[in-house]
Amino acid sequence: MKKSILQEKSYSFAIRIVRLSQYLRNKQNEFVLSKQILRSGTSIGVLIREAEYAQSNADFINKFSIALKEANETDYWANLLKDTDYLESRLFESIVADSNELISMLVSTIKTLKSKKTLNS
């Protein structure tokens, strides 16, 4: 099965988040927030991947909705890391640009899925 653009972008984002977490632990000696952003940032792609085998349309929408919440949470942790001087502005802006792109794609996908669900009801 060919991966969707959303799957590819969320996987690439997860790799960036893993590397960010490693940087925070190894270079910044930050262990608590790095675990938080690692958990939320990598779970986005996992949920998108889980949706491939959703049990129903409602389950599919739910997986994407939870992925959206995780993307929003990742944005929160990135802001907190920047405002506590663990992330320099350039790295922060790059991470947030990627998370905002995922958020936009997830919102669009969820809206499309919900409108199709409404039309089919």
PDB file of N, CA and C in Angstrom:
ATOM      1  N   MET A   1       0.842  -1.182   0.000  1.00  0.00           N
ATOM      2  CA  MET A   1       0.000   0.000   0.000  1.00  0.00           C
ATOM      3  C   MET A   1       0.890   1.251   0.000  1.00  0.00           C
ATOM      4  N   LYS A   2       0.570   2.204  -0.842  1.00  0.00           N
ATOM      5  CA  LYS A   2       1.331   3.442  -0.936  1.00  0.00           C
ATOM      6  C   LYS A   2       1.001   4.337   0.255  1.00  0.00           C
ATOM      7  N   LYS A   3       2.033   4.925   0.829  1.00  0.00           N
ATOM      8  CA  LYS A   3       1.833   5.829   1.956  1.00  0.00           C
ATOM      9  C   LYS A   3       1.249   7.152   1.478  1.00  0.00           C
ATOM     10  N   SER A   4       0.370   7.707   2.284  1.00  0.00           N
ATOM     11  CA  SER A   4      -0.206   9.013   1.973  1.00  0.00           C
ATOM     12  C   SER A   4       0.804  10.102   2.348  1.00  0.00           C
ATOM     13  N   ILE A   5       0.562  11.288   1.834  1.00  0.00           N
ATOM     14  CA  ILE A   5       1.419  12.422   2.174  1.00  0.00           C
ATOM     15  C   ILE A   5       1.382  12.675   3.675  1.00  0.00           C
ATOM     16  N   LEU A   6       0.210  12.530   4.274  1.00  0.00           N
ATOM     17  CA  LEU A   6       0.068  12.733   5.716  1.00  0.00           C
ATOM     18  C   LEU A   6       0.888  11.698   6.490  1.00  0.00           C
ATOM     19  N   GLN A   7       0.879  10.452   6.041  1.00  0.00           N
ATOM     20  CA  GLN A   7       1.698   9.426   6.695  1.00  0.00           C
ATOM     21  C   GLN A   7       3.181   9.753   6.569  1.00  0.00           C
ATOM     22  N   GLU A   8       3.595  10.149   5.385  1.00  0.00           N
ATOM     23  CA  GLU A   8       5.007  10.475   5.166  1.00  0.00           C
ATOM     24  C   GLU A   8       5.446  11.670   6.007  1.00  0.00           C
ATOM     25  N   LYS A   9       4.637  12.720   6.030  1.00  0.00           N
ATOM     26  CA  LYS A   9       4.989  13.919   6.792  1.00  0.00           C
ATOM     27  C   LYS A   9       4.986  13.655   8.294  1.00  0.00           C
ATOM     28  N   SER A  10       4.034  12.870   8.769  1.00  0.00           N
ATOM     29  CA  SER A  10       3.988  12.585  10.203  1.00  0.00           C
ATOM     30  C   SER A  10       5.155  11.693  10.626  1.00  0.00           C
ATOM     31  N   TYR A  11       5.584  10.798   9.736  1.00  0.00           N
ATOM     32  CA  TYR A  11       6.742   9.944  10.031  1.00  0.00           C
ATOM     33  C   TYR A  11       8.033  10.772  10.054  1.00  0.00           C
ATOM     34  N   SER A  12       8.191  11.647   9.075  1.00  0.00           N
ATOM     35  CA  SER A  12       9.360  12.533   9.046  1.00  0.00           C
ATOM     36  C   SER A  12       9.379  13.443  10.271  1.00  0.00           C
ATOM     37  N   PHE A  13       8.204  13.919  10.658  1.00  0.00           N
ATOM     38  CA  PHE A  13       8.100  14.757  11.846  1.00  0.00           C
ATOM     39  C   PHE A  13       8.496  13.972  13.095  1.00  0.00           C
ATOM     40  N   ALA A  14       8.070  12.726  13.183  1.00  0.00           N
ATOM     41  CA  ALA A  14       8.428  11.883  14.327  1.00  0.00           C
ATOM     42  C   ALA A  14       9.942  11.723  14.426  1.00  0.00           C
ATOM     43  N   ILE A  15      10.605  11.551  13.295  1.00  0.00           N
ATOM     44  CA  ILE A  15      12.064  11.437  13.292  1.00  0.00           C
ATOM     45  C   ILE A  15      12.689  12.722  13.831  1.00  0.00           C
ATOM     46  N   ARG A  16      12.185  13.861  13.390  1.00  0.00           N
ATOM     47  CA  ARG A  16      12.696  15.142  13.899  1.00  0.00           C
ATOM     48  C   ARG A  16      12.490  15.261  15.403  1.00  0.00           C
ATOM     49  N   ILE A  17      11.337  14.805  15.875  1.00  0.00           N
ATOM     50  CA  ILE A  17      11.034  14.895  17.297  1.00  0.00           C
ATOM     51  C   ILE A  17      11.951  13.967  18.110  1.00  0.00           C
ATOM     52  N   VAL A  18      12.226  12.782  17.594  1.00  0.00           N
ATOM     53  CA  VAL A  18      13.153  11.875  18.282  1.00  0.00           C
ATOM     54  C   VAL A  18      14.528  12.541  18.396  1.00  0.00           C
ATOM     55  N   ARG A  19      14.977  13.130  17.305  1.00  0.00           N
ATOM     56  CA  ARG A  19      16.282  13.814  17.319  1.00  0.00           C
ATOM     57  C   ARG A  19      16.267  15.032  18.240  1.00  0.00           C
ATOM     58  N   LEU A  20      15.157  15.749  18.265  1.00  0.00           N
ATOM     59  CA  LEU A  20      15.019  16.883  19.177  1.00  0.00           C
ATOM     60  C   LEU A  20      15.104  16.406  20.621  1.00  0.00           C
ATOM     61  N   SER A  21      14.422  15.333  20.919  1.00  0.00           N
ATOM     62  CA  SER A  21      14.443  14.781  22.269  1.00  0.00           C
ATOM     63  C   SER A  21      15.859  14.360  22.668  1.00  0.00           C
ATOM     64  N   GLN A  22      16.575  13.741  21.748  1.00  0.00           N
ATOM     65  CA  GLN A  22      17.967  13.357  22.014  1.00  0.00           C
ATOM     66  C   GLN A  22      18.822  14.598  22.291  1.00  0.00           C
ATOM     67  N   TYR A  23      18.635  15.624  21.489  1.00  0.00           N
ATOM     68  CA  TYR A  23      19.364  16.882  21.689  1.00  0.00           C
ATOM     69  C   TYR A  23      19.054  17.471  23.063  1.00  0.00           C
ATOM     70  N   LEU A  24      17.773  17.513  23.415  1.00  0.00           N
ATOM     71  CA  LEU A  24      17.379  18.089  24.703  1.00  0.00           C
ATOM     72  C   LEU A  24      17.987  17.324  25.878  1.00  0.00           C
ATOM     73  N   ARG A  25      18.009  16.011  25.776  1.00  0.00           N
ATOM     74  CA  ARG A  25      18.586  15.198  26.852  1.00  0.00           C
ATOM     75  C   ARG A  25      20.108  15.315  26.889  1.00  0.00           C
ATOM     76  N   ASN A  26      20.746  15.166  25.738  1.00  0.00           N
ATOM     77  CA  ASN A  26      22.212  15.083  25.692  1.00  0.00           C
ATOM     78  C   ASN A  26      22.914  16.432  25.776  1.00  0.00           C
ATOM     79  N   LYS A  27      22.360  17.449  25.163  1.00  0.00           N
ATOM     80  CA  LYS A  27      23.022  18.765  25.119  1.00  0.00           C
ATOM     81  C   LYS A  27      22.465  19.767  26.124  1.00  0.00           C
ATOM     82  N   GLN A  28      21.189  19.664  26.404  1.00  0.00           N
ATOM     83  CA  GLN A  28      20.547  20.632  27.293  1.00  0.00           C
ATOM     84  C   GLN A  28      20.273  20.064  28.696  1.00  0.00           C
ATOM     85  N   ASN A  29      20.522  18.777  28.877  1.00  0.00           N
ATOM     86  CA  ASN A  29      20.240  18.100  30.159  1.00  0.00           C
ATOM     87  C   ASN A  29      18.797  18.328  30.615  1.00  0.00           C
ATOM     88  N   GLU A  30      17.894  18.268  29.661  1.00  0.00           N
ATOM     89  CA  GLU A  30      16.467  18.439  29.936  1.00  0.00           C
ATOM     90  C   GLU A  30      15.793  17.090  29.718  1.00  0.00           C
ATOM     91  N   PHE A  31      15.150  16.563  30.778  1.00  0.00           N
ATOM     92  CA  PHE A  31      14.629  15.201  30.700  1.00  0.00           C
ATOM     93  C   PHE A  31      13.102  15.112  30.773  1.00  0.00           C
ATOM     94  N   VAL A  32      12.455  16.015  31.436  1.00  0.00           N
ATOM     95  CA  VAL A  32      11.006  15.925  31.621  1.00  0.00           C
ATOM     96  C   VAL A  32      10.253  16.404  30.380  1.00  0.00           C
ATOM     97  N   LEU A  33      10.534  17.625  29.934  1.00  0.00           N
ATOM     98  CA  LEU A  33       9.839  18.166  28.766  1.00  0.00           C
ATOM     99  C   LEU A  33      10.197  17.398  27.501  1.00  0.00           C
ATOM    100  N   SER A  34      11.432  16.903  27.433  1.00  0.00           N
ATOM    101  CA  SER A  34      11.838  16.132  26.245  1.00  0.00           C
ATOM    102  C   SER A  34      11.009  14.856  26.110  1.00  0.00           C
ATOM    103  N   LYS A  35      10.650  14.250  27.232  1.00  0.00           N
ATOM    104  CA  LYS A  35       9.798  13.054  27.176  1.00  0.00           C
ATOM    105  C   LYS A  35       8.380  13.407  26.737  1.00  0.00           C
ATOM    106  N   GLN A  36       7.909  14.563  27.167  1.00  0.00           N
ATOM    107  CA  GLN A  36       6.554  14.986  26.807  1.00  0.00           C
ATOM    108  C   GLN A  36       6.440  15.237  25.305  1.00  0.00           C
ATOM    109  N   ILE A  37       7.390  15.991  24.755  1.00  0.00           N
ATOM    110  CA  ILE A  37       7.320  16.296  23.329  1.00  0.00           C
ATOM    111  C   ILE A  37       7.599  15.038  22.507  1.00  0.00           C
ATOM    112  N   LEU A  38       8.431  14.138  23.026  1.00  0.00           N
ATOM    113  CA  LEU A  38       8.693  12.867  22.347  1.00  0.00           C
ATOM    114  C   LEU A  38       7.412  12.038  22.255  1.00  0.00           C
ATOM    115  N   ARG A  39       6.687  11.959  23.348  1.00  0.00           N
ATOM    116  CA  ARG A  39       5.457  11.163  23.374  1.00  0.00           C
ATOM    117  C   ARG A  39       4.401  11.738  22.433  1.00  0.00           C
ATOM    118  N   SER A  40       4.142  13.040  22.556  1.00  0.00           N
ATOM    119  CA  SER A  40       3.080  13.620  21.723  1.00  0.00           C
ATOM    120  C   SER A  40       3.490  13.713  20.254  1.00  0.00           C
ATOM    121  N   GLY A  41       4.737  14.070  20.003  1.00  0.00           N
ATOM    122  CA  GLY A  41       5.190  14.254  18.630  1.00  0.00           C
ATOM    123  C   GLY A  41       5.281  12.977  17.815  1.00  0.00           C
ATOM    124  N   THR A  42       5.592  11.869  18.488  1.00  0.00           N
ATOM    125  CA  THR A  42       5.671  10.597  17.764  1.00  0.00           C
ATOM    126  C   THR A  42       4.322   9.895  17.674  1.00  0.00           C
ATOM    127  N   SER A  43       3.404  10.227  18.561  1.00  0.00           N
ATOM    128  CA  SER A  43       2.105   9.547  18.532  1.00  0.00           C
ATOM    129  C   SER A  43       1.222  10.015  17.376  1.00  0.00           C
ATOM    130  N   ILE A  44       1.512  11.167  16.798  1.00  0.00           N
ATOM    131  CA  ILE A  44       0.720  11.667  15.669  1.00  0.00           C
ATOM    132  C   ILE A  44       0.735  10.638  14.536  1.00  0.00           C
ATOM    133  N   GLY A  45       1.924  10.240  14.131  1.00  0.00           N
ATOM    134  CA  GLY A  45       2.069   9.277  13.039  1.00  0.00           C
ATOM    135  C   GLY A  45       1.521   7.904  13.377  1.00  0.00           C
ATOM    136  N   VAL A  46       1.670   7.509  14.636  1.00  0.00           N
ATOM    137  CA  VAL A  46       1.154   6.205  15.063  1.00  0.00           C
ATOM    138  C   VAL A  46      -0.366   6.171  14.900  1.00  0.00           C
ATOM    139  N   LEU A  47      -1.009   7.230  15.305  1.00  0.00           N
ATOM    140  CA  LEU A  47      -2.478   7.278  15.201  1.00  0.00           C
ATOM    141  C   LEU A  47      -2.940   7.310  13.749  1.00  0.00           C
ATOM    142  N   ILE A  48      -2.214   8.035  12.920  1.00  0.00           N
ATOM    143  CA  ILE A  48      -2.544   8.050  11.491  1.00  0.00           C
ATOM    144  C   ILE A  48      -2.373   6.657  10.914  1.00  0.00           C
ATOM    145  N   ARG A  49      -1.326   5.985  11.322  1.00  0.00           N
ATOM    146  CA  ARG A  49      -1.073   4.615  10.854  1.00  0.00           C
ATOM    147  C   ARG A  49      -2.153   3.653  11.361  1.00  0.00           C
ATOM    148  N   GLU A  50      -2.554   3.803  12.619  1.00  0.00           N
ATOM    149  CA  GLU A  50      -3.616   2.962  13.184  1.00  0.00           C
ATOM    150  C   GLU A  50      -4.922   3.127  12.419  1.00  0.00           C
ATOM    151  N   ALA A  51      -5.169   4.322  11.918  1.00  0.00           N
ATOM    152  CA  ALA A  51      -6.418   4.589  11.207  1.00  0.00           C
ATOM    153  C   ALA A  51      -6.556   3.739   9.947  1.00  0.00           C
ATOM    154  N   GLU A  52      -5.444   3.247   9.407  1.00  0.00           N
ATOM    155  CA  GLU A  52      -5.496   2.378   8.230  1.00  0.00           C
ATOM    156  C   GLU A  52      -6.393   1.162   8.471  1.00  0.00           C
ATOM    157  N   TYR A  53      -6.394   0.689   9.696  1.00  0.00           N
ATOM    158  CA  TYR A  53      -7.160  -0.514  10.031  1.00  0.00           C
ATOM    159  C   TYR A  53      -8.291  -0.208  11.012  1.00  0.00           C
ATOM    160  N   ALA A  54      -8.852   0.974  10.878  1.00  0.00           N
ATOM    161  CA  ALA A  54      -9.967   1.364  11.735  1.00  0.00           C
ATOM    162  C   ALA A  54     -11.133   0.403  11.533  1.00  0.00           C
ATOM    163  N   GLN A  55     -11.887   0.192  12.590  1.00  0.00           N
ATOM    164  CA  GLN A  55     -13.001  -0.749  12.554  1.00  0.00           C
ATOM    165  C   GLN A  55     -14.244  -0.163  11.898  1.00  0.00           C
ATOM    166  N   SER A  56     -14.294   1.154  11.818  1.00  0.00           N
ATOM    167  CA  SER A  56     -15.455   1.816  11.223  1.00  0.00           C
ATOM    168  C   SER A  56     -15.040   3.226  10.795  1.00  0.00           C
ATOM    169  N   ASN A  57     -15.932   3.900  10.087  1.00  0.00           N
ATOM    170  CA  ASN A  57     -15.662   5.297   9.718  1.00  0.00           C
ATOM    171  C   ASN A  57     -15.529   6.172  10.957  1.00  0.00           C
ATOM    172  N   ALA A  58     -16.356   5.910  11.963  1.00  0.00           N
ATOM    173  CA  ALA A  58     -16.283   6.681  13.204  1.00  0.00           C
ATOM    174  C   ALA A  58     -14.935   6.455  13.899  1.00  0.00           C
ATOM    175  N   ASP A  59     -14.452   5.226  13.891  1.00  0.00           N
ATOM    176  CA  ASP A  59     -13.158   4.910  14.483  1.00  0.00           C
ATOM    177  C   ASP A  59     -12.036   5.613  13.716  1.00  0.00           C
ATOM    178  N   PHE A  60     -12.155   5.639  12.382  1.00  0.00           N
ATOM    179  CA  PHE A  60     -11.174   6.312  11.528  1.00  0.00           C
ATOM    180  C   PHE A  60     -11.107   7.800  11.880  1.00  0.00           C
ATOM    181  N   ILE A  61     -12.252   8.441  11.967  1.00  0.00           N
ATOM    182  CA  ILE A  61     -12.324   9.861  12.318  1.00  0.00           C
ATOM    183  C   ILE A  61     -11.764  10.084  13.717  1.00  0.00           C
ATOM    184  N   ASN A  62     -12.089   9.191  14.637  1.00  0.00           N
ATOM    185  CA  ASN A  62     -11.602   9.313  16.008  1.00  0.00           C
ATOM    186  C   ASN A  62     -10.076   9.253  16.069  1.00  0.00           C
ATOM    187  N   LYS A  63      -9.459   8.345  15.326  1.00  0.00           N
ATOM    188  CA  LYS A  63      -7.991   8.226  15.306  1.00  0.00           C
ATOM    189  C   LYS A  63      -7.366   9.525  14.791  1.00  0.00           C
ATOM    190  N   PHE A  64      -7.925  10.077  13.722  1.00  0.00           N
ATOM    191  CA  PHE A  64      -7.408  11.326  13.186  1.00  0.00           C
ATOM    192  C   PHE A  64      -7.635  12.480  14.158  1.00  0.00           C
ATOM    193  N   SER A  65      -8.753  12.471  14.866  1.00  0.00           N
ATOM    194  CA  SER A  65      -9.038  13.522  15.848  1.00  0.00           C
ATOM    195  C   SER A  65      -8.050  13.472  17.006  1.00  0.00           C
ATOM    196  N   ILE A  66      -7.713  12.292  17.448  1.00  0.00           N
ATOM    197  CA  ILE A  66      -6.725  12.156  18.523  1.00  0.00           C
ATOM    198  C   ILE A  66      -5.344  12.582  18.017  1.00  0.00           C
ATOM    199  N   ALA A  67      -5.015  12.245  16.775  1.00  0.00           N
ATOM    200  CA  ALA A  67      -3.747  12.688  16.181  1.00  0.00           C
ATOM    201  C   ALA A  67      -3.681  14.217  16.162  1.00  0.00           C
ATOM    202  N   LEU A  68      -4.808  14.857  15.863  1.00  0.00           N
ATOM    203  CA  LEU A  68      -4.873  16.317  15.876  1.00  0.00           C
ATOM    204  C   LEU A  68      -4.601  16.859  17.279  1.00  0.00           C
ATOM    205  N   LYS A  69      -5.186  16.243  18.284  1.00  0.00           N
ATOM    206  CA  LYS A  69      -4.947  16.664  19.667  1.00  0.00           C
ATOM    207  C   LYS A  69      -3.474  16.519  20.027  1.00  0.00           C
ATOM    208  N   GLU A  70      -2.853  15.432  19.588  1.00  0.00           N
ATOM    209  CA  GLU A  70      -1.430  15.212  19.873  1.00  0.00           C
ATOM    210  C   GLU A  70      -0.562  16.243  19.153  1.00  0.00           C
ATOM    211  N   ALA A  71      -0.935  16.615  17.944  1.00  0.00           N
ATOM    212  CA  ALA A  71      -0.194  17.645  17.209  1.00  0.00           C
ATOM    213  C   ALA A  71      -0.300  18.987  17.931  1.00  0.00           C
ATOM    214  N   ASN A  72      -1.478  19.289  18.424  1.00  0.00           N
ATOM    215  CA  ASN A  72      -1.676  20.517  19.181  1.00  0.00           C
ATOM    216  C   ASN A  72      -0.865  20.492  20.480  1.00  0.00           C
ATOM    217  N   GLU A  73      -0.828  19.348  21.144  1.00  0.00           N
ATOM    218  CA  GLU A  73      -0.041  19.216  22.365  1.00  0.00           C
ATOM    219  C   GLU A  73       1.453  19.389  22.063  1.00  0.00           C
ATOM    220  N   THR A  74       1.906  18.849  20.953  1.00  0.00           N
ATOM    221  CA  THR A  74       3.307  18.992  20.557  1.00  0.00           C
ATOM    222  C   THR A  74       3.649  20.465  20.363  1.00  0.00           C
ATOM    223  N   ASP A  75       2.738  21.200  19.755  1.00  0.00           N
ATOM    224  CA  ASP A  75       2.923  22.638  19.588  1.00  0.00           C
ATOM    225  C   ASP A  75       3.062  23.320  20.956  1.00  0.00           C
ATOM    226  N   TYR A  76       2.268  22.908  21.905  1.00  0.00           N
ATOM    227  CA  TYR A  76       2.341  23.460  23.262  1.00  0.00           C
ATOM    228  C   TYR A  76       3.725  23.221  23.867  1.00  0.00           C
ATOM    229  N   TRP A  77       4.211  21.975  23.788  1.00  0.00           N
ATOM    230  CA  TRP A  77       5.517  21.651  24.377  1.00  0.00           C
ATOM    231  C   TRP A  77       6.631  22.423  23.683  1.00  0.00           C
ATOM    232  N   ALA A  78       6.540  22.577  22.380  1.00  0.00           N
ATOM    233  CA  ALA A  78       7.556  23.340  21.644  1.00  0.00           C
ATOM    234  C   ALA A  78       7.575  24.798  22.126  1.00  0.00           C
ATOM    235  N   ASN A  79       6.407  25.377  22.310  1.00  0.00           N
ATOM    236  CA  ASN A  79       6.336  26.754  22.824  1.00  0.00           C
ATOM    237  C   ASN A  79       6.932  26.850  24.222  1.00  0.00           C
ATOM    238  N   LEU A  80       6.624  25.895  25.059  1.00  0.00           N
ATOM    239  CA  LEU A  80       7.158  25.897  26.414  1.00  0.00           C
ATOM    240  C   LEU A  80       8.679  25.752  26.406  1.00  0.00           C
ATOM    241  N   LEU A  81       9.192  24.880  25.554  1.00  0.00           N
ATOM    242  CA  LEU A  81      10.644  24.709  25.442  1.00  0.00           C
ATOM    243  C   LEU A  81      11.324  25.993  24.955  1.00  0.00           C
ATOM    244  N   LYS A  82      10.689  26.692  24.026  1.00  0.00           N
ATOM    245  CA  LYS A  82      11.263  27.958  23.547  1.00  0.00           C
ATOM    246  C   LYS A  82      11.228  29.012  24.641  1.00  0.00           C
ATOM    247  N   ASP A  83      10.099  29.121  25.313  1.00  0.00           N
ATOM    248  CA  ASP A  83       9.939  30.168  26.328  1.00  0.00           C
ATOM    249  C   ASP A  83      10.750  29.908  27.589  1.00  0.00           C
ATOM    250  N   THR A  84      11.265  28.698  27.750  1.00  0.00           N
ATOM    251  CA  THR A  84      12.143  28.390  28.883  1.00  0.00           C
ATOM    252  C   THR A  84      13.601  28.260  28.433  1.00  0.00           C
ATOM    253  N   ASP A  85      13.866  28.735  27.222  1.00  0.00           N
ATOM    254  CA  ASP A  85      15.224  28.831  26.664  1.00  0.00           C
ATOM    255  C   ASP A  85      15.907  27.489  26.400  1.00  0.00           C
ATOM    256  N   TYR A  86      15.135  26.440  26.191  1.00  0.00           N
ATOM    257  CA  TYR A  86      15.726  25.170  25.775  1.00  0.00           C
ATOM    258  C   TYR A  86      15.835  25.064  24.254  1.00  0.00           C
ATOM    259  N   LEU A  87      14.996  25.822  23.539  1.00  0.00           N
ATOM    260  CA  LEU A  87      15.026  25.822  22.077  1.00  0.00           C
ATOM    261  C   LEU A  87      15.322  27.218  21.575  1.00  0.00           C
ATOM    262  N   GLU A  88      16.261  27.310  20.650  1.00  0.00           N
ATOM    263  CA  GLU A  88      16.522  28.598  20.012  1.00  0.00           C
ATOM    264  C   GLU A  88      15.396  28.870  19.017  1.00  0.00           C
ATOM    265  N   SER A  89      15.213  30.124  18.683  1.00  0.00           N
ATOM    266  CA  SER A  89      14.092  30.545  17.839  1.00  0.00           C
ATOM    267  C   SER A  89      14.046  29.827  16.496  1.00  0.00           C
ATOM    268  N   ARG A  90      15.181  29.674  15.848  1.00  0.00           N
ATOM    269  CA  ARG A  90      15.199  29.060  14.514  1.00  0.00           C
ATOM    270  C   ARG A  90      14.708  27.614  14.548  1.00  0.00           C
ATOM    271  N   LEU A  91      15.182  26.841  15.511  1.00  0.00           N
ATOM    272  CA  LEU A  91      14.744  25.449  15.652  1.00  0.00           C
ATOM    273  C   LEU A  91      13.269  25.396  16.025  1.00  0.00           C
ATOM    274  N   PHE A  92      12.866  26.251  16.951  1.00  0.00           N
ATOM    275  CA  PHE A  92      11.463  26.326  17.349  1.00  0.00           C
ATOM    276  C   PHE A  92      10.563  26.609  16.147  1.00  0.00           C
ATOM    277  N   GLU A  93      10.916  27.622  15.370  1.00  0.00           N
ATOM    278  CA  GLU A  93      10.095  28.004  14.219  1.00  0.00           C
ATOM    279  C   GLU A  93       9.978  26.875  13.206  1.00  0.00           C
ATOM    280  N   SER A  94      11.038  26.133  13.028  1.00  0.00           N
ATOM    281  CA  SER A  94      11.024  25.011  12.094  1.00  0.00           C
ATOM    282  C   SER A  94      10.114  23.883  12.594  1.00  0.00           C
ATOM    283  N   ILE A  95      10.231  23.561  13.867  1.00  0.00           N
ATOM    284  CA  ILE A  95       9.389  22.499  14.465  1.00  0.00           C
ATOM    285  C   ILE A  95       7.922  22.919  14.416  1.00  0.00           C
ATOM    286  N   VAL A  96       7.641  24.148  14.790  1.00  0.00           N
ATOM    287  CA  VAL A  96       6.254  24.626  14.828  1.00  0.00           C
ATOM    288  C   VAL A  96       5.675  24.725  13.414  1.00  0.00           C
ATOM    289  N   ALA A  97       6.487  25.099  12.442  1.00  0.00           N
ATOM    290  CA  ALA A  97       5.993  25.134  11.057  1.00  0.00           C
ATOM    291  C   ALA A  97       5.561  23.740  10.616  1.00  0.00           C
ATOM    292  N   ASP A  98       6.352  22.732  10.965  1.00  0.00           N
ATOM    293  CA  ASP A  98       5.990  21.356  10.623  1.00  0.00           C
ATOM    294  C   ASP A  98       4.744  20.903  11.378  1.00  0.00           C
ATOM    295  N   SER A  99       4.672  21.216  12.663  1.00  0.00           N
ATOM    296  CA  SER A  99       3.486  20.791  13.423  1.00  0.00           C
ATOM    297  C   SER A  99       2.238  21.511  12.932  1.00  0.00           C
ATOM    298  N   ASN A 100       2.369  22.790  12.565  1.00  0.00           N
ATOM    299  CA  ASN A 100       1.214  23.529  12.028  1.00  0.00           C
ATOM    300  C   ASN A 100       0.755  22.955  10.694  1.00  0.00           C
ATOM    301  N   GLU A 101       1.709  22.509   9.877  1.00  0.00           N
ATOM    302  CA  GLU A 101       1.346  21.873   8.609  1.00  0.00           C
ATOM    303  C   GLU A 101       0.559  20.582   8.872  1.00  0.00           C
ATOM    304  N   LEU A 102       1.019  19.792   9.838  1.00  0.00           N
ATOM    305  CA  LEU A 102       0.293  18.565  10.195  1.00  0.00           C
ATOM    306  C   LEU A 102      -1.091  18.891  10.741  1.00  0.00           C
ATOM    307  N   ILE A 103      -1.165  19.910  11.579  1.00  0.00           N
ATOM    308  CA  ILE A 103      -2.459  20.319  12.141  1.00  0.00           C
ATOM    309  C   ILE A 103      -3.418  20.711  11.015  1.00  0.00           C
ATOM    310  N   SER A 104      -2.945  21.505  10.081  1.00  0.00           N
ATOM    311  CA  SER A 104      -3.795  21.927   8.952  1.00  0.00           C
ATOM    312  C   SER A 104      -4.275  20.737   8.131  1.00  0.00           C
ATOM    313  N   MET A 105      -3.356  19.818   7.856  1.00  0.00           N
ATOM    314  CA  MET A 105      -3.715  18.637   7.072  1.00  0.00           C
ATOM    315  C   MET A 105      -4.720  17.758   7.820  1.00  0.00           C
ATOM    316  N   LEU A 106      -4.526  17.620   9.129  1.00  0.00           N
ATOM    317  CA  LEU A 106      -5.448  16.803   9.928  1.00  0.00           C
ATOM    318  C   LEU A 106      -6.828  17.453  10.007  1.00  0.00           C
ATOM    319  N   VAL A 107      -6.872  18.755  10.218  1.00  0.00           N
ATOM    320  CA  VAL A 107      -8.162  19.465  10.268  1.00  0.00           C
ATOM    321  C   VAL A 107      -8.905  19.290   8.950  1.00  0.00           C
ATOM    322  N   SER A 108      -8.196  19.481   7.854  1.00  0.00           N
ATOM    323  CA  SER A 108      -8.808  19.331   6.532  1.00  0.00           C
ATOM    324  C   SER A 108      -9.327  17.912   6.308  1.00  0.00           C
ATOM    325  N   THR A 109      -8.530  16.934   6.689  1.00  0.00           N
ATOM    326  CA  THR A 109      -8.927  15.528   6.522  1.00  0.00           C
ATOM    327  C   THR A 109     -10.152  15.205   7.365  1.00  0.00           C
ATOM    328  N   ILE A 110     -10.148  15.658   8.606  1.00  0.00           N
ATOM    329  CA  ILE A 110     -11.278  15.383   9.504  1.00  0.00           C
ATOM    330  C   ILE A 110     -12.555  16.036   8.971  1.00  0.00           C
ATOM    331  N   LYS A 111     -12.450  17.284   8.512  1.00  0.00           N
ATOM    332  CA  LYS A 111     -13.624  17.969   7.954  1.00  0.00           C
ATOM    333  C   LYS A 111     -14.164  17.214   6.746  1.00  0.00           C
ATOM    334  N   THR A 112     -13.268  16.767   5.877  1.00  0.00           N
ATOM    335  CA  THR A 112     -13.682  16.014   4.690  1.00  0.00           C
ATOM    336  C   THR A 112     -14.365  14.712   5.094  1.00  0.00           C
ATOM    337  N   LEU A 113     -13.767  14.000   6.033  1.00  0.00           N
ATOM    338  CA  LEU A 113     -14.344  12.728   6.475  1.00  0.00           C
ATOM    339  C   LEU A 113     -15.715  12.928   7.113  1.00  0.00           C
ATOM    340  N   LYS A 114     -15.844  13.976   7.919  1.00  0.00           N
ATOM    341  CA  LYS A 114     -17.130  14.251   8.565  1.00  0.00           C
ATOM    342  C   LYS A 114     -18.184  14.662   7.551  1.00  0.00           C
ATOM    343  N   SER A 115     -17.802  15.427   6.535  1.00  0.00           N
ATOM    344  CA  SER A 115     -18.791  15.829   5.532  1.00  0.00           C
ATOM    345  C   SER A 115     -19.229  14.630   4.695  1.00  0.00           C
ATOM    346  N   LYS A 116     -18.309  13.725   4.400  1.00  0.00           N
ATOM    347  CA  LYS A 116     -18.679  12.505   3.684  1.00  0.00           C
ATOM    348  C   LYS A 116     -19.600  11.637   4.521  1.00  0.00           C
ATOM    349  N   LYS A 117     -19.316  11.590   5.821  1.00  0.00           N
ATOM    350  CA  LYS A 117     -20.153  10.806   6.735  1.00  0.00           C
ATOM    351  C   LYS A 117     -21.567  11.362   6.762  1.00  0.00           C
ATOM    352  N   THR A 118     -21.670  12.696   6.805  1.00  0.00           N
ATOM    353  CA  THR A 118     -22.979  13.358   6.818  1.00  0.00           C
ATOM    354  C   THR A 118     -23.738  13.108   5.525  1.00  0.00           C
ATOM    355  N   LEU A 119     -23.025  13.164   4.409  1.00  0.00           N
ATOM    356  CA  LEU A 119     -23.661  12.939   3.112  1.00  0.00           C
ATOM    357  C   LEU A 119     -24.170  11.505   2.976  1.00  0.00           C
ATOM    358  N   ASN A 120     -23.457  10.561   3.577  1.00  0.00           N
ATOM    359  CA  ASN A 120     -23.830   9.141   3.464  1.00  0.00           C
ATOM    360  C   ASN A 120     -24.904   8.739   4.473  1.00  0.00           C
ATOM    361  N   SER A 121     -25.229   9.624   5.404  1.00  0.00           N
ATOM    362  CA  SER A 121     -26.239   9.274   6.439  1.00  0.00           C
ATOM    363  C   SER A 121     -27.628   9.460   5.944  1.00  0.00           C
TER     364      SER A 121
END
